[in-house]
Amino acid sequence: MEYPNCPKCKSEYTYEDGNMFICPECAYEWSKEEEKNKKEEGIVRDSNGNVLKDGDTVIVIKDLKVKGASNPIKQGTKVKNIRLVEGDHDIDCKIDGFGAMSLKSEFVKKG
């Protein structure tokens, strides 16, 4: 099972303890119910917690490997005119040099 990243420090090393998720890096605890409600809201947030909407411009916050491409998408790449979609990769966009792409909102910040 894949656990959600910590909402406070964005750590990927969270774990489950009963009905709670716990972050070992910052000791933040949140309930499974909070996580469920966050996903049900349908609000897409960037890595800093800012709400994203269709047409926004975002900036990639870390190098992202792309299957089938020889080069990664570099940190700092600006992506214009995003479109929000349902699913694990919740941003559809076009990136210069890569073409149509789906990104996870946790790897971008609003630009």
PDB file of N, CA and C in Angstrom:
ATOM      1  N   MET A   1       0.835  -1.191   0.000  1.00  0.00           N
ATOM      2  CA  MET A   1       0.000   0.000   0.000  1.00  0.00           C
ATOM      3  C   MET A   1       0.871   1.242   0.000  1.00  0.00           C
ATOM      4  N   GLU A   2       0.459   2.258  -0.742  1.00  0.00           N
ATOM      5  CA  GLU A   2       1.208   3.505  -0.796  1.00  0.00           C
ATOM      6  C   GLU A   2       0.576   4.500   0.167  1.00  0.00           C
ATOM      7  N   TYR A   3       1.376   5.044   1.078  1.00  0.00           N
ATOM      8  CA  TYR A   3       0.881   5.996   2.060  1.00  0.00           C
ATOM      9  C   TYR A   3       1.048   7.419   1.533  1.00  0.00           C
ATOM     10  N   PRO A   4       0.191   8.339   1.991  1.00  0.00           N
ATOM     11  CA  PRO A   4       0.286   9.729   1.518  1.00  0.00           C
ATOM     12  C   PRO A   4       1.516  10.424   2.093  1.00  0.00           C
ATOM     13  N   ASN A   5       2.019  11.420   1.380  1.00  0.00           N
ATOM     14  CA  ASN A   5       3.109  12.235   1.909  1.00  0.00           C
ATOM     15  C   ASN A   5       2.599  13.071   3.063  1.00  0.00           C
ATOM     16  N   CYS A   6       3.499  13.436   3.945  1.00  0.00           N
ATOM     17  CA  CYS A   6       3.147  14.258   5.103  1.00  0.00           C
ATOM     18  C   CYS A   6       2.628  15.620   4.638  1.00  0.00           C
ATOM     19  N   PRO A   7       1.449  16.049   5.110  1.00  0.00           N
ATOM     20  CA  PRO A   7       0.922  17.346   4.699  1.00  0.00           C
ATOM     21  C   PRO A   7       1.728  18.529   5.255  1.00  0.00           C
ATOM     22  N   LYS A   8       2.509  18.282   6.298  1.00  0.00           N
ATOM     23  CA  LYS A   8       3.257  19.365   6.925  1.00  0.00           C
ATOM     24  C   LYS A   8       4.644  19.551   6.293  1.00  0.00           C
ATOM     25  N   CYS A   9       5.427  18.466   6.184  1.00  0.00           N
ATOM     26  CA  CYS A   9       6.802  18.597   5.676  1.00  0.00           C
ATOM     27  C   CYS A   9       7.003  17.918   4.320  1.00  0.00           C
ATOM     28  N   LYS A  10       5.959  17.287   3.776  1.00  0.00           N
ATOM     29  CA  LYS A  10       5.972  16.616   2.466  1.00  0.00           C
ATOM     30  C   LYS A  10       6.850  15.363   2.432  1.00  0.00           C
ATOM     31  N   SER A  11       7.231  14.832   3.582  1.00  0.00           N
ATOM     32  CA  SER A  11       8.053  13.619   3.630  1.00  0.00           C
ATOM     33  C   SER A  11       7.292  12.441   3.039  1.00  0.00           C
ATOM     34  N   GLU A  12       8.009  11.583   2.330  1.00  0.00           N
ATOM     35  CA  GLU A  12       7.386  10.397   1.742  1.00  0.00           C
ATOM     36  C   GLU A  12       7.492   9.183   2.661  1.00  0.00           C
ATOM     37  N   TYR A  13       8.104   9.323   3.821  1.00  0.00           N
ATOM     38  CA  TYR A  13       8.344   8.198   4.713  1.00  0.00           C
ATOM     39  C   TYR A  13       7.280   8.048   5.796  1.00  0.00           C
ATOM     40  N   THR A  14       6.046   8.342   5.473  1.00  0.00           N
ATOM     41  CA  THR A  14       4.968   8.210   6.454  1.00  0.00           C
ATOM     42  C   THR A  14       4.594   6.745   6.654  1.00  0.00           C
ATOM     43  N   TYR A  15       3.950   6.470   7.774  1.00  0.00           N
ATOM     44  CA  TYR A  15       3.476   5.114   8.041  1.00  0.00           C
ATOM     45  C   TYR A  15       2.144   5.170   8.779  1.00  0.00           C
ATOM     46  N   GLU A  16       1.506   4.023   8.831  1.00  0.00           N
ATOM     47  CA  GLU A  16       0.181   3.910   9.411  1.00  0.00           C
ATOM     48  C   GLU A  16       0.276   3.311  10.814  1.00  0.00           C
ATOM     49  N   ASP A  17      -0.489   3.868  11.756  1.00  0.00           N
ATOM     50  CA  ASP A  17      -0.563   3.335  13.108  1.00  0.00           C
ATOM     51  C   ASP A  17      -2.022   3.394  13.539  1.00  0.00           C
ATOM     52  N   GLY A  18      -2.707   2.255  13.421  1.00  0.00           N
ATOM     53  CA  GLY A  18      -4.125   2.211  13.737  1.00  0.00           C
ATOM     54  C   GLY A  18      -4.919   3.036  12.743  1.00  0.00           C
ATOM     55  N   ASN A  19      -5.594   4.087  13.239  1.00  0.00           N
ATOM     56  CA  ASN A  19      -6.411   4.947  12.391  1.00  0.00           C
ATOM     57  C   ASN A  19      -5.698   6.263  12.059  1.00  0.00           C
ATOM     58  N   MET A  20      -4.382   6.291  12.255  1.00  0.00           N
ATOM     59  CA  MET A  20      -3.613   7.516  12.049  1.00  0.00           C
ATOM     60  C   MET A  20      -2.467   7.279  11.069  1.00  0.00           C
ATOM     61  N   PHE A  21      -2.053   8.358  10.389  1.00  0.00           N
ATOM     62  CA  PHE A  21      -0.814   8.371   9.626  1.00  0.00           C
ATOM     63  C   PHE A  21       0.183   9.179  10.444  1.00  0.00           C
ATOM     64  N   ILE A  22       1.448   8.761  10.419  1.00  0.00           N
ATOM     65  CA  ILE A  22       2.476   9.436  11.211  1.00  0.00           C
ATOM     66  C   ILE A  22       3.690   9.705  10.335  1.00  0.00           C
ATOM     67  N   CYS A  23       4.271  10.884  10.511  1.00  0.00           N
ATOM     68  CA  CYS A  23       5.499  11.256   9.802  1.00  0.00           C
ATOM     69  C   CYS A  23       6.667  11.127  10.778  1.00  0.00           C
ATOM     70  N   PRO A  24       7.637  10.248  10.487  1.00  0.00           N
ATOM     71  CA  PRO A  24       8.766  10.090  11.400  1.00  0.00           C
ATOM     72  C   PRO A  24       9.754  11.262  11.364  1.00  0.00           C
ATOM     73  N   GLU A  25       9.687  12.087  10.333  1.00  0.00           N
ATOM     74  CA  GLU A  25      10.643  13.187  10.224  1.00  0.00           C
ATOM     75  C   GLU A  25      10.236  14.414  11.031  1.00  0.00           C
ATOM     76  N   CYS A  26       8.931  14.761  11.024  1.00  0.00           N
ATOM     77  CA  CYS A  26       8.499  15.951  11.764  1.00  0.00           C
ATOM     78  C   CYS A  26       7.534  15.616  12.903  1.00  0.00           C
ATOM     79  N   ALA A  27       7.195  14.320  13.052  1.00  0.00           N
ATOM     80  CA  ALA A  27       6.308  13.818  14.112  1.00  0.00           C
ATOM     81  C   ALA A  27       4.871  14.295  13.963  1.00  0.00           C
ATOM     82  N   TYR A  28       4.479  14.739  12.782  1.00  0.00           N
ATOM     83  CA  TYR A  28       3.099  15.163  12.543  1.00  0.00           C
ATOM     84  C   TYR A  28       2.203  13.935  12.433  1.00  0.00           C
ATOM     85  N   GLU A  29       1.016  14.011  13.025  1.00  0.00           N
ATOM     86  CA  GLU A  29       0.038  12.916  12.961  1.00  0.00           C
ATOM     87  C   GLU A  29      -1.272  13.454  12.413  1.00  0.00           C
ATOM     88  N   TRP A  30      -1.921  12.670  11.544  1.00  0.00           N
ATOM     89  CA  TRP A  30      -3.225  13.033  11.010  1.00  0.00           C
ATOM     90  C   TRP A  30      -4.022  11.762  10.782  1.00  0.00           C
ATOM     91  N   SER A  31      -5.333  11.898  10.832  1.00  0.00           N
ATOM     92  CA  SER A  31      -6.205  10.732  10.755  1.00  0.00           C
ATOM     93  C   SER A  31      -6.453  10.309   9.310  1.00  0.00           C
ATOM     94  N   LYS A  32      -6.829   9.050   9.153  1.00  0.00           N
ATOM     95  CA  LYS A  32      -7.196   8.537   7.833  1.00  0.00           C
ATOM     96  C   LYS A  32      -8.420   9.295   7.310  1.00  0.00           C
ATOM     97  N   GLU A  33      -9.290   9.715   8.212  1.00  0.00           N
ATOM     98  CA  GLU A  33     -10.490  10.458   7.832  1.00  0.00           C
ATOM     99  C   GLU A  33     -10.128  11.795   7.199  1.00  0.00           C
ATOM    100  N   GLU A  34      -9.135  12.494   7.779  1.00  0.00           N
ATOM    101  CA  GLU A  34      -8.675  13.759   7.197  1.00  0.00           C
ATOM    102  C   GLU A  34      -8.135  13.545   5.786  1.00  0.00           C
ATOM    103  N   GLU A  35      -7.372  12.479   5.604  1.00  0.00           N
ATOM    104  CA  GLU A  35      -6.803  12.170   4.298  1.00  0.00           C
ATOM    105  C   GLU A  35      -7.906  11.857   3.293  1.00  0.00           C
ATOM    106  N   LYS A  36      -8.897  11.097   3.746  1.00  0.00           N
ATOM    107  CA  LYS A  36     -10.025  10.744   2.881  1.00  0.00           C
ATOM    108  C   LYS A  36     -10.794  11.994   2.464  1.00  0.00           C
ATOM    109  N   ASN A  37     -11.059  12.888   3.423  1.00  0.00           N
ATOM    110  CA  ASN A  37     -11.786  14.128   3.122  1.00  0.00           C
ATOM    111  C   ASN A  37     -11.000  15.020   2.169  1.00  0.00           C
ATOM    112  N   LYS A  38      -9.694  15.049   2.330  1.00  0.00           N
ATOM    113  CA  LYS A  38      -8.851  15.866   1.460  1.00  0.00           C
ATOM    114  C   LYS A  38      -8.945  15.374   0.015  1.00  0.00           C
ATOM    115  N   LYS A  39      -8.943  14.064  -0.175  1.00  0.00           N
ATOM    116  CA  LYS A  39      -9.033  13.505  -1.517  1.00  0.00           C
ATOM    117  C   LYS A  39     -10.425  13.693  -2.108  1.00  0.00           C
ATOM    118  N   GLU A  40     -11.446  13.621  -1.260  1.00  0.00           N
ATOM    119  CA  GLU A  40     -12.821  13.754  -1.740  1.00  0.00           C
ATOM    120  C   GLU A  40     -13.165  15.181  -2.141  1.00  0.00           C
ATOM    121  N   GLU A  41     -12.467  16.151  -1.603  1.00  0.00           N
ATOM    122  CA  GLU A  41     -12.762  17.543  -1.914  1.00  0.00           C
ATOM    123  C   GLU A  41     -12.586  17.847  -3.388  1.00  0.00           C
ATOM    124  N   GLY A  42     -11.643  17.165  -4.033  1.00  0.00           N
ATOM    125  CA  GLY A  42     -11.389  17.413  -5.434  1.00  0.00           C
ATOM    126  C   GLY A  42     -10.529  18.645  -5.682  1.00  0.00           C
ATOM    127  N   ILE A  43      -9.999  19.213  -4.625  1.00  0.00           N
ATOM    128  CA  ILE A  43      -9.131  20.377  -4.746  1.00  0.00           C
ATOM    129  C   ILE A  43      -7.707  19.889  -4.972  1.00  0.00           C
ATOM    130  N   VAL A  44      -7.074  20.428  -5.998  1.00  0.00           N
ATOM    131  CA  VAL A  44      -5.697  20.046  -6.296  1.00  0.00           C
ATOM    132  C   VAL A  44      -4.786  21.138  -5.767  1.00  0.00           C
ATOM    133  N   ARG A  45      -3.787  20.726  -4.971  1.00  0.00           N
ATOM    134  CA  ARG A  45      -2.849  21.680  -4.376  1.00  0.00           C
ATOM    135  C   ARG A  45      -1.435  21.378  -4.844  1.00  0.00           C
ATOM    136  N   ASP A  46      -0.618  22.424  -4.927  1.00  0.00           N
ATOM    137  CA  ASP A  46       0.781  22.240  -5.299  1.00  0.00           C
ATOM    138  C   ASP A  46       1.589  21.793  -4.082  1.00  0.00           C
ATOM    139  N   SER A  47       2.897  21.702  -4.225  1.00  0.00           N
ATOM    140  CA  SER A  47       3.752  21.223  -3.141  1.00  0.00           C
ATOM    141  C   SER A  47       3.755  22.154  -1.933  1.00  0.00           C
ATOM    142  N   ASN A  48       3.375  23.401  -2.116  1.00  0.00           N
ATOM    143  CA  ASN A  48       3.322  24.366  -1.011  1.00  0.00           C
ATOM    144  C   ASN A  48       1.923  24.528  -0.433  1.00  0.00           C
ATOM    145  N   GLY A  49       0.947  23.790  -0.956  1.00  0.00           N
ATOM    146  CA  GLY A  49      -0.411  23.870  -0.452  1.00  0.00           C
ATOM    147  C   GLY A  49      -1.286  24.884  -1.160  1.00  0.00           C
ATOM    148  N   ASN A  50      -0.768  25.547  -2.189  1.00  0.00           N
ATOM    149  CA  ASN A  50      -1.573  26.508  -2.947  1.00  0.00           C
ATOM    150  C   ASN A  50      -2.557  25.764  -3.848  1.00  0.00           C
ATOM    151  N   VAL A  51      -3.768  26.279  -3.955  1.00  0.00           N
ATOM    152  CA  VAL A  51      -4.798  25.664  -4.787  1.00  0.00           C
ATOM    153  C   VAL A  51      -4.481  25.934  -6.258  1.00  0.00           C
ATOM    154  N   LEU A  52      -4.519  24.880  -7.071  1.00  0.00           N
ATOM    155  CA  LEU A  52      -4.290  25.014  -8.508  1.00  0.00           C
ATOM    156  C   LEU A  52      -5.618  24.991  -9.245  1.00  0.00           C
ATOM    157  N   LYS A  53      -5.660  25.666 -10.398  1.00  0.00           N
ATOM    158  CA  LYS A  53      -6.857  25.631 -11.239  1.00  0.00           C
ATOM    159  C   LYS A  53      -6.424  25.564 -12.701  1.00  0.00           C
ATOM    160  N   ASP A  54      -7.359  25.203 -13.574  1.00  0.00           N
ATOM    161  CA  ASP A  54      -7.076  25.121 -15.000  1.00  0.00           C
ATOM    162  C   ASP A  54      -6.515  26.445 -15.504  1.00  0.00           C
ATOM    163  N   GLY A  55      -5.486  26.356 -16.355  1.00  0.00           N
ATOM    164  CA  GLY A  55      -4.896  27.541 -16.951  1.00  0.00           C
ATOM    165  C   GLY A  55      -3.738  28.138 -16.175  1.00  0.00           C
ATOM    166  N   ASP A  56      -3.477  27.648 -14.961  1.00  0.00           N
ATOM    167  CA  ASP A  56      -2.372  28.167 -14.150  1.00  0.00           C
ATOM    168  C   ASP A  56      -1.026  27.837 -14.786  1.00  0.00           C
ATOM    169  N   THR A  57      -0.010  28.554 -14.360  1.00  0.00           N
ATOM    170  CA  THR A  57       1.374  28.266 -14.709  1.00  0.00           C
ATOM    171  C   THR A  57       2.047  27.706 -13.459  1.00  0.00           C
ATOM    172  N   VAL A  58       2.782  26.606 -13.625  1.00  0.00           N
ATOM    173  CA  VAL A  58       3.468  25.976 -12.502  1.00  0.00           C
ATOM    174  C   VAL A  58       4.943  25.787 -12.855  1.00  0.00           C
ATOM    175  N   ILE A  59       5.759  25.562 -11.818  1.00  0.00           N
ATOM    176  CA  ILE A  59       7.192  25.330 -11.979  1.00  0.00           C
ATOM    177  C   ILE A  59       7.530  23.990 -11.341  1.00  0.00           C
ATOM    178  N   VAL A  60       8.273  23.154 -12.058  1.00  0.00           N
ATOM    179  CA  VAL A  60       8.691  21.842 -11.562  1.00  0.00           C
ATOM    180  C   VAL A  60       9.726  22.047 -10.459  1.00  0.00           C
ATOM    181  N   ILE A  61       9.558  21.368  -9.303  1.00  0.00           N
ATOM    182  CA  ILE A  61      10.435  21.604  -8.152  1.00  0.00           C
ATOM    183  C   ILE A  61      11.585  20.614  -8.036  1.00  0.00           C
ATOM    184  N   LYS A  62      11.595  19.550  -8.853  1.00  0.00           N
ATOM    185  CA  LYS A  62      12.718  18.616  -8.831  1.00  0.00           C
ATOM    186  C   LYS A  62      12.831  17.951 -10.191  1.00  0.00           C
ATOM    187  N   ASP A  63      14.012  17.442 -10.515  1.00  0.00           N
ATOM    188  CA  ASP A  63      14.193  16.738 -11.780  1.00  0.00           C
ATOM    189  C   ASP A  63      13.274  15.526 -11.817  1.00  0.00           C
ATOM    190  N   LEU A  64      12.543  15.354 -12.921  1.00  0.00           N
ATOM    191  CA  LEU A  64      11.608  14.241 -13.058  1.00  0.00           C
ATOM    192  C   LEU A  64      12.026  13.360 -14.226  1.00  0.00           C
ATOM    193  N   LYS A  65      12.260  12.079 -13.951  1.00  0.00           N
ATOM    194  CA  LYS A  65      12.587  11.142 -15.007  1.00  0.00           C
ATOM    195  C   LYS A  65      11.345  10.886 -15.847  1.00  0.00           C
ATOM    196  N   VAL A  66      11.536  10.751 -17.159  1.00  0.00           N
ATOM    197  CA  VAL A  66      10.430  10.509 -18.076  1.00  0.00           C
ATOM    198  C   VAL A  66      10.706   9.200 -18.802  1.00  0.00           C
ATOM    199  N   LYS A  67       9.763   8.261 -18.710  1.00  0.00           N
ATOM    200  CA  LYS A  67       9.926   6.989 -19.405  1.00  0.00           C
ATOM    201  C   LYS A  67      10.044   7.233 -20.904  1.00  0.00           C
ATOM    202  N   GLY A  68      11.051   6.617 -21.518  1.00  0.00           N
ATOM    203  CA  GLY A  68      11.229   6.732 -22.954  1.00  0.00           C
ATOM    204  C   GLY A  68      11.987   7.961 -23.405  1.00  0.00           C
ATOM    205  N   ALA A  69      12.349   8.841 -22.478  1.00  0.00           N
ATOM    206  CA  ALA A  69      13.110  10.040 -22.831  1.00  0.00           C
ATOM    207  C   ALA A  69      14.530   9.922 -22.288  1.00  0.00           C
ATOM    208  N   SER A  70      15.481  10.463 -23.021  1.00  0.00           N
ATOM    209  CA  SER A  70      16.877  10.365 -22.590  1.00  0.00           C
ATOM    210  C   SER A  70      17.212  11.387 -21.502  1.00  0.00           C
ATOM    211  N   ASN A  71      16.483  12.473 -21.444  1.00  0.00           N
ATOM    212  CA  ASN A  71      16.738  13.525 -20.457  1.00  0.00           C
ATOM    213  C   ASN A  71      15.543  13.697 -19.532  1.00  0.00           C
ATOM    214  N   PRO A  72      15.796  14.060 -18.264  1.00  0.00           N
ATOM    215  CA  PRO A  72      14.678  14.335 -17.354  1.00  0.00           C
ATOM    216  C   PRO A  72      14.108  15.730 -17.586  1.00  0.00           C
ATOM    217  N   ILE A  73      12.935  15.982 -17.025  1.00  0.00           N
ATOM    218  CA  ILE A  73      12.400  17.339 -16.976  1.00  0.00           C
ATOM    219  C   ILE A  73      13.144  18.011 -15.830  1.00  0.00           C
ATOM    220  N   LYS A  74      13.824  19.086 -16.119  1.00  0.00           N
ATOM    221  CA  LYS A  74      14.698  19.734 -15.142  1.00  0.00           C
ATOM    222  C   LYS A  74      13.926  20.559 -14.120  1.00  0.00           C
ATOM    223  N   GLN A  75      14.480  20.620 -12.917  1.00  0.00           N
ATOM    224  CA  GLN A  75      13.937  21.477 -11.873  1.00  0.00           C
ATOM    225  C   GLN A  75      13.923  22.910 -12.400  1.00  0.00           C
ATOM    226  N   GLY A  76      12.850  23.633 -12.139  1.00  0.00           N
ATOM    227  CA  GLY A  76      12.736  25.018 -12.578  1.00  0.00           C
ATOM    228  C   GLY A  76      12.037  25.179 -13.916  1.00  0.00           C
ATOM    229  N   THR A  77      11.689  24.050 -14.578  1.00  0.00           N
ATOM    230  CA  THR A  77      10.977  24.130 -15.851  1.00  0.00           C
ATOM    231  C   THR A  77       9.600  24.741 -15.625  1.00  0.00           C
ATOM    232  N   LYS A  78       9.265  25.764 -16.398  1.00  0.00           N
ATOM    233  CA  LYS A  78       7.974  26.433 -16.279  1.00  0.00           C
ATOM    234  C   LYS A  78       6.979  25.751 -17.210  1.00  0.00           C
ATOM    235  N   VAL A  79       5.827  25.404 -16.676  1.00  0.00           N
ATOM    236  CA  VAL A  79       4.768  24.739 -17.444  1.00  0.00           C
ATOM    237  C   VAL A  79       3.551  25.656 -17.439  1.00  0.00           C
ATOM    238  N   LYS A  80       3.138  26.088 -18.639  1.00  0.00           N
ATOM    239  CA  LYS A  80       2.026  27.034 -18.757  1.00  0.00           C
ATOM    240  C   LYS A  80       0.738  26.318 -19.134  1.00  0.00           C
ATOM    241  N   ASN A  81      -0.369  26.931 -18.756  1.00  0.00           N
ATOM    242  CA  ASN A  81      -1.707  26.495 -19.168  1.00  0.00           C
ATOM    243  C   ASN A  81      -1.992  25.036 -18.820  1.00  0.00           C
ATOM    244  N   ILE A  82      -1.911  24.707 -17.532  1.00  0.00           N
ATOM    245  CA  ILE A  82      -2.173  23.332 -17.095  1.00  0.00           C
ATOM    246  C   ILE A  82      -3.670  23.032 -17.138  1.00  0.00           C
ATOM    247  N   ARG A  83      -3.994  21.746 -17.156  1.00  0.00           N
ATOM    248  CA  ARG A  83      -5.381  21.291 -17.097  1.00  0.00           C
ATOM    249  C   ARG A  83      -5.459  20.243 -15.999  1.00  0.00           C
ATOM    250  N   LEU A  84      -6.371  20.398 -15.048  1.00  0.00           N
ATOM    251  CA  LEU A  84      -6.525  19.470 -13.939  1.00  0.00           C
ATOM    252  C   LEU A  84      -7.420  18.308 -14.347  1.00  0.00           C
ATOM    253  N   VAL A  85      -7.010  17.098 -13.946  1.00  0.00           N
ATOM    254  CA  VAL A  85      -7.754  15.883 -14.270  1.00  0.00           C
ATOM    255  C   VAL A  85      -7.835  14.999 -13.030  1.00  0.00           C
ATOM    256  N   GLU A  86      -8.715  14.013 -13.070  1.00  0.00           N
ATOM    257  CA  GLU A  86      -8.831  13.037 -11.987  1.00  0.00           C
ATOM    258  C   GLU A  86      -7.710  12.011 -12.111  1.00  0.00           C
ATOM    259  N   GLY A  87      -7.283  11.453 -11.003  1.00  0.00           N
ATOM    260  CA  GLY A  87      -6.309  10.377 -11.042  1.00  0.00           C
ATOM    261  C   GLY A  87      -5.057  10.693 -10.257  1.00  0.00           C
ATOM    262  N   ASP A  88      -4.112   9.744 -10.299  1.00  0.00           N
ATOM    263  CA  ASP A  88      -2.853   9.874  -9.571  1.00  0.00           C
ATOM    264  C   ASP A  88      -2.021  11.033 -10.115  1.00  0.00           C
ATOM    265  N   HIS A  89      -1.892  11.117 -11.427  1.00  0.00           N
ATOM    266  CA  HIS A  89      -1.222  12.234 -12.085  1.00  0.00           C
ATOM    267  C   HIS A  89      -2.324  13.236 -12.425  1.00  0.00           C
ATOM    268  N   ASP A  90      -2.456  14.266 -11.586  1.00  0.00           N
ATOM    269  CA  ASP A  90      -3.631  15.128 -11.671  1.00  0.00           C
ATOM    270  C   ASP A  90      -3.459  16.389 -12.506  1.00  0.00           C
ATOM    271  N   ILE A  91      -2.343  16.521 -13.230  1.00  0.00           N
ATOM    272  CA  ILE A  91      -2.126  17.670 -14.111  1.00  0.00           C
ATOM    273  C   ILE A  91      -1.787  17.174 -15.512  1.00  0.00           C
ATOM    274  N   ASP A  92      -2.538  17.633 -16.507  1.00  0.00           N
ATOM    275  CA  ASP A  92      -2.197  17.398 -17.916  1.00  0.00           C
ATOM    276  C   ASP A  92      -1.640  18.698 -18.462  1.00  0.00           C
ATOM    277  N   CYS A  93      -0.573  18.597 -19.263  1.00  0.00           N
ATOM    278  CA  CYS A  93       0.056  19.795 -19.788  1.00  0.00           C
ATOM    279  C   CYS A  93       0.904  19.458 -21.007  1.00  0.00           C
ATOM    280  N   LYS A  94       1.463  20.481 -21.624  1.00  0.00           N
ATOM    281  CA  LYS A  94       2.435  20.315 -22.699  1.00  0.00           C
ATOM    282  C   LYS A  94       3.715  20.987 -22.233  1.00  0.00           C
ATOM    283  N   ILE A  95       4.818  20.250 -22.354  1.00  0.00           N
ATOM    284  CA  ILE A  95       6.113  20.775 -21.938  1.00  0.00           C
ATOM    285  C   ILE A  95       7.000  20.872 -23.170  1.00  0.00           C
ATOM    286  N   ASP A  96       7.591  22.047 -23.377  1.00  0.00           N
ATOM    287  CA  ASP A  96       8.478  22.251 -24.524  1.00  0.00           C
ATOM    288  C   ASP A  96       9.591  21.205 -24.505  1.00  0.00           C
ATOM    289  N   GLY A  97       9.777  20.525 -25.623  1.00  0.00           N
ATOM    290  CA  GLY A  97      10.812  19.511 -25.745  1.00  0.00           C
ATOM    291  C   GLY A  97      10.361  18.122 -25.348  1.00  0.00           C
ATOM    292  N   PHE A  98       9.180  18.005 -24.695  1.00  0.00           N
ATOM    293  CA  PHE A  98       8.668  16.707 -24.255  1.00  0.00           C
ATOM    294  C   PHE A  98       7.288  16.411 -24.822  1.00  0.00           C
ATOM    295  N   GLY A  99       6.496  17.431 -25.087  1.00  0.00           N
ATOM    296  CA  GLY A  99       5.148  17.235 -25.602  1.00  0.00           C
ATOM    297  C   GLY A  99       4.129  17.073 -24.496  1.00  0.00           C
ATOM    298  N   ALA A 100       3.042  16.356 -24.804  1.00  0.00           N
ATOM    299  CA  ALA A 100       1.957  16.152 -23.834  1.00  0.00           C
ATOM    300  C   ALA A 100       2.463  15.313 -22.668  1.00  0.00           C
ATOM    301  N   MET A 101       2.062  15.682 -21.467  1.00  0.00           N
ATOM    302  CA  MET A 101       2.615  15.065 -20.272  1.00  0.00           C
ATOM    303  C   MET A 101       1.586  15.101 -19.156  1.00  0.00           C
ATOM    304  N   SER A 102       1.655  14.137 -18.263  1.00  0.00           N
ATOM    305  CA  SER A 102       0.858  14.147 -17.034  1.00  0.00           C
ATOM    306  C   SER A 102       1.818  14.264 -15.860  1.00  0.00           C
ATOM    307  N   LEU A 103       1.510  15.153 -14.928  1.00  0.00           N
ATOM    308  CA  LEU A 103       2.363  15.377 -13.760  1.00  0.00           C
ATOM    309  C   LEU A 103       1.566  15.206 -12.476  1.00  0.00           C
ATOM    310  N   LYS A 104       2.280  14.937 -11.400  1.00  0.00           N
ATOM    311  CA  LYS A 104       1.668  14.912 -10.080  1.00  0.00           C
ATOM    312  C   LYS A 104       1.814  16.297  -9.482  1.00  0.00           C
ATOM    313  N   SER A 105       0.765  16.791  -8.843  1.00  0.00           N
ATOM    314  CA  SER A 105       0.778  18.137  -8.275  1.00  0.00           C
ATOM    315  C   SER A 105       1.813  18.290  -7.170  1.00  0.00           C
ATOM    316  N   GLU A 106       2.232  17.214  -6.535  1.00  0.00           N
ATOM    317  CA  GLU A 106       3.211  17.295  -5.456  1.00  0.00           C
ATOM    318  C   GLU A 106       4.609  17.666  -5.946  1.00  0.00           C
ATOM    319  N   PHE A 107       4.839  17.616  -7.272  1.00  0.00           N
ATOM    320  CA  PHE A 107       6.146  17.930  -7.831  1.00  0.00           C
ATOM    321  C   PHE A 107       6.194  19.289  -8.517  1.00  0.00           C
ATOM    322  N   VAL A 108       5.182  20.121  -8.288  1.00  0.00           N
ATOM    323  CA  VAL A 108       5.162  21.455  -8.881  1.00  0.00           C
ATOM    324  C   VAL A 108       4.790  22.493  -7.835  1.00  0.00           C
ATOM    325  N   LYS A 109       5.148  23.743  -8.116  1.00  0.00           N
ATOM    326  CA  LYS A 109       4.686  24.863  -7.288  1.00  0.00           C
ATOM    327  C   LYS A 109       4.082  25.898  -8.228  1.00  0.00           C
ATOM    328  N   LYS A 110       3.133  26.626  -7.697  1.00  0.00           N
ATOM    329  CA  LYS A 110       2.448  27.636  -8.502  1.00  0.00           C
ATOM    330  C   LYS A 110       3.446  28.718  -8.881  1.00  0.00           C
ATOM    331  N   GLY A 111       3.423  29.119 -10.153  1.00  0.00           N
ATOM    332  CA  GLY A 111       4.410  30.094 -10.636  1.00  0.00           C
ATOM    333  C   GLY A 111       3.808  31.321 -11.040  1.00  0.00           C
TER     334      GLY A 111
END
